[in-house]
C-alpha atoms as a PDB file:
ATOM      1  CA  MET A   1      -4.444  10.088   8.364  1.00  0.00           C
ATOM      2  CA  ASN A   2      -7.237   7.888   9.867  1.00  0.00           C
ATOM      3  CA  TYR A   3      -7.972   7.121  13.299  1.00  0.00           C
ATOM      4  CA  GLU A   4      -5.411   3.867  13.689  1.00  0.00           C
ATOM      5  CA  GLU A   5      -2.488   5.655  12.088  1.00  0.00           C
ATOM      6  CA  THR A   6      -3.195   8.630  14.406  1.00  0.00           C
ATOM      7  CA  PHE A   7      -2.927   6.284  17.269  1.00  0.00           C
ATOM      8  CA  VAL A   8       0.164   4.449  16.232  1.00  0.00           C
ATOM      9  CA  LYS A   9       2.355   7.990  15.661  1.00  0.00           C
ATOM     10  CA  THR A  10       1.097   9.933  18.794  1.00  0.00           C
ATOM     11  CA  PRO A  11       3.441  10.095  21.711  1.00  0.00           C
ATOM     12  CA  CYS A  12       0.946   8.232  24.300  1.00  0.00           C
ATOM     13  CA  PRO A  13       1.835   5.118  25.183  1.00  0.00           C
ATOM     14  CA  VAL A  14      -1.562   4.166  26.134  1.00  0.00           C
ATOM     15  CA  ALA A  15      -2.748   5.268  22.858  1.00  0.00           C
ATOM     16  CA  ARG A  16      -0.392   3.059  20.925  1.00  0.00           C
ATOM     17  CA  ALA A  17      -1.093   0.084  23.132  1.00  0.00           C
ATOM     18  CA  CYS A  18      -5.148   0.679  22.202  1.00  0.00           C
ATOM     19  CA  ALA A  19      -4.151   0.570  18.581  1.00  0.00           C
ATOM     20  CA  VAL A  20      -2.785  -2.754  19.257  1.00  0.00           C
ATOM     21  CA  LEU A  21      -4.721  -4.198  21.846  1.00  0.00           C
ATOM     22  CA  GLY A  22      -8.038  -2.078  21.788  1.00  0.00           C
ATOM     23  CA  ASP A  23     -10.581  -4.323  20.877  1.00  0.00           C
ATOM     24  CA  LYS A  24     -12.246  -6.878  23.148  1.00  0.00           C
ATOM     25  CA  TRP A  25     -11.160  -9.642  20.560  1.00  0.00           C
ATOM     26  CA  ALA A  26      -7.342  -8.970  20.929  1.00  0.00           C
ATOM     27  CA  LEU A  27      -7.537  -9.198  24.664  1.00  0.00           C
ATOM     28  CA  MET A  28      -9.804 -12.101  24.902  1.00  0.00           C
ATOM     29  CA  LEU A  29      -7.109 -14.197  22.846  1.00  0.00           C
ATOM     30  CA  VAL A  30      -4.042 -13.099  24.494  1.00  0.00           C
ATOM     31  CA  ARG A  31      -6.228 -14.123  27.702  1.00  0.00           C
ATOM     32  CA  ASP A  32      -6.619 -17.528  25.951  1.00  0.00           C
ATOM     33  CA  ALA A  33      -2.880 -17.732  25.128  1.00  0.00           C
ATOM     34  CA  PHE A  34      -1.847 -17.832  28.346  1.00  0.00           C
ATOM     35  CA  ASP A  35      -4.565 -20.092  29.352  1.00  0.00           C
ATOM     36  CA  GLY A  36      -2.761 -22.695  26.834  1.00  0.00           C
ATOM     37  CA  VAL A  37      -4.715 -22.182  23.954  1.00  0.00           C
ATOM     38  CA  THR A  38      -2.800 -22.166  20.772  1.00  0.00           C
ATOM     39  CA  ARG A  39      -5.351 -23.565  17.731  1.00  0.00           C
ATOM     40  CA  PHE A  40      -7.829 -21.395  15.904  1.00  0.00           C
ATOM     41  CA  SER A  41     -10.670 -23.982  16.570  1.00  0.00           C
ATOM     42  CA  ASP A  42     -10.047 -23.596  20.274  1.00  0.00           C
ATOM     43  CA  PHE A  43      -9.873 -19.752  20.397  1.00  0.00           C
ATOM     44  CA  GLN A  44     -13.115 -20.080  18.395  1.00  0.00           C
ATOM     45  CA  LYS A  45     -14.571 -22.103  21.036  1.00  0.00           C
ATOM     46  CA  SER A  46     -13.290 -19.855  23.911  1.00  0.00           C
ATOM     47  CA  THR A  47     -14.508 -16.678  22.416  1.00  0.00           C
ATOM     48  CA  LEU A  48     -17.323 -17.372  20.265  1.00  0.00           C
ATOM     49  CA  ALA A  49     -15.973 -15.142  17.433  1.00  0.00           C
ATOM     50  CA  ALA A  50     -17.016 -15.448  14.080  1.00  0.00           C
ATOM     51  CA  LYS A  51     -14.501 -16.806  11.902  1.00  0.00           C
ATOM     52  CA  ASN A  52     -13.703 -13.917   9.996  1.00  0.00           C
ATOM     53  CA  ILE A  53     -13.239 -11.815  13.110  1.00  0.00           C
ATOM     54  CA  LEU A  54     -10.719 -14.555  14.511  1.00  0.00           C
ATOM     55  CA  THR A  55      -8.682 -14.555  11.466  1.00  0.00           C
ATOM     56  CA  THR A  56      -8.416 -10.951  11.353  1.00  0.00           C
ATOM     57  CA  ARG A  57      -7.393 -10.521  14.698  1.00  0.00           C
ATOM     58  CA  LEU A  58      -4.997 -13.226  14.786  1.00  0.00           C
ATOM     59  CA  LYS A  59      -3.593 -12.150  11.528  1.00  0.00           C
ATOM     60  CA  LYS A  60      -3.089  -8.772  13.212  1.00  0.00           C
ATOM     61  CA  LEU A  61      -1.735  -9.788  16.449  1.00  0.00           C
ATOM     62  CA  VAL A  62       0.812 -11.704  14.651  1.00  0.00           C
ATOM     63  CA  GLU A  63       1.737  -8.697  11.955  1.00  0.00           C
ATOM     64  CA  ASP A  64       1.968  -6.581  15.660  1.00  0.00           C
ATOM     65  CA  GLY A  65       4.352  -9.367  17.019  1.00  0.00           C
ATOM     66  CA  ILE A  66       2.142 -10.150  19.771  1.00  0.00           C
ATOM     67  CA  PHE A  67       1.807 -13.988  18.421  1.00  0.00           C
ATOM     68  CA  MET A  68       4.109 -15.929  16.423  1.00  0.00           C
ATOM     69  CA  THR A  69       2.795 -19.210  14.382  1.00  0.00           C
ATOM     70  CA  ARG A  70       4.459 -22.494  14.163  1.00  0.00           C
ATOM     71  CA  PRO A  71       3.534 -25.579  12.788  1.00  0.00           C
ATOM     72  CA  ALA A  72       1.067 -27.545  15.252  1.00  0.00           C
ATOM     73  CA  SER A  73       2.970 -29.577  17.651  1.00  0.00           C
ATOM     74  CA  ASP A  74       1.018 -32.739  16.987  1.00  0.00           C
ATOM     75  CA  GLY A  75       2.311 -33.013  13.279  1.00  0.00           C
ATOM     76  CA  SER A  76      -0.974 -32.242  11.976  1.00  0.00           C
ATOM     77  CA  ALA A  77      -1.195 -29.551   8.786  1.00  0.00           C
ATOM     78  CA  TYR A  78      -2.727 -26.843  11.362  1.00  0.00           C
ATOM     79  CA  GLN A  79      -0.856 -24.100  12.544  1.00  0.00           C
ATOM     80  CA  GLU A  80      -0.410 -23.005  16.141  1.00  0.00           C
ATOM     81  CA  TYR A  81      -0.827 -19.549  17.459  1.00  0.00           C
ATOM     82  CA  ILE A  82       1.941 -18.733  20.441  1.00  0.00           C
ATOM     83  CA  LEU A  83       2.799 -15.652  22.350  1.00  0.00           C
ATOM     84  CA  SER A  84       5.945 -13.897  21.154  1.00  0.00           C
ATOM     85  CA  GLU A  85       8.327 -12.274  23.859  1.00  0.00           C
ATOM     86  CA  LYS A  86       6.252  -9.287  23.329  1.00  0.00           C
ATOM     87  CA  GLY A  87       3.011 -10.779  23.866  1.00  0.00           C
ATOM     88  CA  ARG A  88       3.975 -12.817  26.876  1.00  0.00           C
ATOM     89  CA  ALA A  89       5.051  -9.015  28.210  1.00  0.00           C
ATOM     90  CA  LEU A  90       1.309  -8.658  28.334  1.00  0.00           C
ATOM     91  CA  PHE A  91       0.877 -10.665  31.434  1.00  0.00           C
ATOM     92  CA  PRO A  92       0.445  -8.189  33.971  1.00  0.00           C
ATOM     93  CA  LEU A  93      -2.029  -6.405  31.913  1.00  0.00           C
ATOM     94  CA  ILE A  94      -3.960  -9.160  31.700  1.00  0.00           C
ATOM     95  CA  VAL A  95      -3.678  -9.880  35.325  1.00  0.00           C
ATOM     96  CA  CYS A  96      -4.610  -6.489  36.119  1.00  0.00           C
ATOM     97  CA  LEU A  97      -8.031  -6.504  33.963  1.00  0.00           C
ATOM     98  CA  ARG A  98      -8.879  -9.944  35.797  1.00  0.00           C
ATOM     99  CA  GLN A  99      -8.448  -8.544  39.105  1.00  0.00           C
ATOM    100  CA  TRP A 100     -10.459  -4.973  38.108  1.00  0.00           C
ATOM    101  CA  GLY A 101     -13.067  -7.297  36.572  1.00  0.00           C
ATOM    102  CA  GLU A 102     -13.391  -9.865  39.789  1.00  0.00           C
ATOM    103  CA  ALA A 103     -13.274  -6.636  42.033  1.00  0.00           C
ATOM    104  CA  ASN A 104     -16.224  -4.672  40.195  1.00  0.00           C
ATOM    105  CA  LEU A 105     -18.121  -6.705  37.724  1.00  0.00           C
ATOM    106  CA  PHE A 106     -19.629  -9.555  39.521  1.00  0.00           C
ATOM    107  CA  ALA A 107     -22.484  -9.477  42.176  1.00  0.00           C
ATOM    108  CA  PRO A 108     -22.527 -10.966  45.656  1.00  0.00           C
ATOM    109  CA  GLY A 109     -22.517 -14.887  45.490  1.00  0.00           C
ATOM    110  CA  GLU A 110     -21.725 -14.956  41.788  1.00  0.00           C
ATOM    111  CA  THR A 111     -19.222 -17.471  40.456  1.00  0.00           C
ATOM    112  CA  TYR A 112     -16.179 -16.134  38.844  1.00  0.00           C
ATOM    113  CA  SER A 113     -12.850 -17.302  37.783  1.00  0.00           C
ATOM    114  CA  VAL A 114      -9.635 -16.532  39.847  1.00  0.00           C
ATOM    115  CA  LEU A 115      -5.868 -16.697  39.105  1.00  0.00           C
ATOM    116  CA  VAL A 116      -3.854 -18.847  41.385  1.00  0.00           C
ATOM    117  CA  ASP A 117      -0.437 -19.735  42.020  1.00  0.00           C
ATOM    118  CA  ASN A 118       0.482 -22.916  40.745  1.00  0.00           C
ATOM    119  CA  GLU A 119       2.964 -23.932  43.391  1.00  0.00           C
ATOM    120  CA  THR A 120       0.793 -23.152  46.172  1.00  0.00           C
ATOM    121  CA  GLY A 121      -2.984 -22.960  44.723  1.00  0.00           C
ATOM    122  CA  ALA A 122      -3.170 -19.588  46.797  1.00  0.00           C
ATOM    123  CA  PRO A 123      -4.818 -16.828  44.482  1.00  0.00           C
ATOM    124  CA  VAL A 124      -2.534 -14.022  43.189  1.00  0.00           C
ATOM    125  CA  GLU A 125      -1.602 -11.226  44.828  1.00  0.00           C
ATOM    126  CA  LYS A 126      -3.746  -8.024  43.779  1.00  0.00           C
ATOM    127  CA  MET A 127      -1.663  -5.833  41.475  1.00  0.00           C
ATOM    128  CA  GLN A 128      -0.720  -2.665  42.746  1.00  0.00           C
ATOM    129  CA  VAL A 129       1.306   0.367  41.733  1.00  0.00           C
ATOM    130  CA  ARG A 130       4.453   1.261  43.526  1.00  0.00           C
ATOM    131  CA  ASN A 131       7.106   4.155  43.610  1.00  0.00           C
ATOM    132  CA  ALA A 132      11.131   3.342  43.045  1.00  0.00           C
ATOM    133  CA  GLN A 133      11.035   2.891  46.804  1.00  0.00           C
ATOM    134  CA  GLY A 134       8.183   0.128  46.923  1.00  0.00           C
ATOM    135  CA  GLU A 135       5.431   1.864  48.219  1.00  0.00           C
ATOM    136  CA  ILE A 136       2.016   1.878  47.015  1.00  0.00           C
ATOM    137  CA  ILE A 137       1.051   4.886  45.415  1.00  0.00           C
ATOM    138  CA  GLU A 138      -2.428   6.349  43.682  1.00  0.00           C
ATOM    139  CA  ALA A 139      -3.045   8.355  40.426  1.00  0.00           C
ATOM    140  CA  GLU A 140      -3.048  11.500  42.194  1.00  0.00           C
ATOM    141  CA  GLN A 141       0.455  10.676  43.301  1.00  0.00           C
ATOM    142  CA  SER A 142       2.086  10.651  40.060  1.00  0.00           C
ATOM    143  CA  ARG A 143       1.955  12.457  36.533  1.00  0.00           C
ATOM    144  CA  ARG A 144       3.444  11.778  33.176  1.00  0.00           C
ATOM    145  CA  ILE A 145       6.191  13.718  31.614  1.00  0.00           C
ATOM    146  CA  PRO A 146       7.514  13.457  28.170  1.00  0.00           C
ATOM    147  CA  MET A 147      10.654  11.246  27.528  1.00  0.00           C
ATOM    148  CA  THR A 148      12.700  10.191  24.536  1.00  0.00           C
ATOM    149  CA  LYS A 149      13.716   6.766  24.070  1.00  0.00           C
END
């Protein structure tokens, strides 16, 4: 069994997610899709990925059900890549990664992008983990247990 097969069969949901999304290209493509990018050429301009890498990653994301393809909305011969329901469910992950990057990867005075609410123009509230009562909890206040789906 190879490395990726091991991740796909593990009982750990984090490892399984990494098997699908565990490289920077996958996450950058999902990020771009949330920003409205649908065309191969636009993904390439945004990520600066080589065509062969981009082709491979988009194909895998389609196979894994993160993206779907459809004919181009402008009627051209091209196809568009759009997020599936499974892909749209990644929005909190992308927001969390963005907010972690904002807080930890920029020097004072350095310019970066911020996610804002379209209606108010205010920055999106910082994501936090909460318990069933709505209280914010830290890592040491939680543990993982086995479950059967």
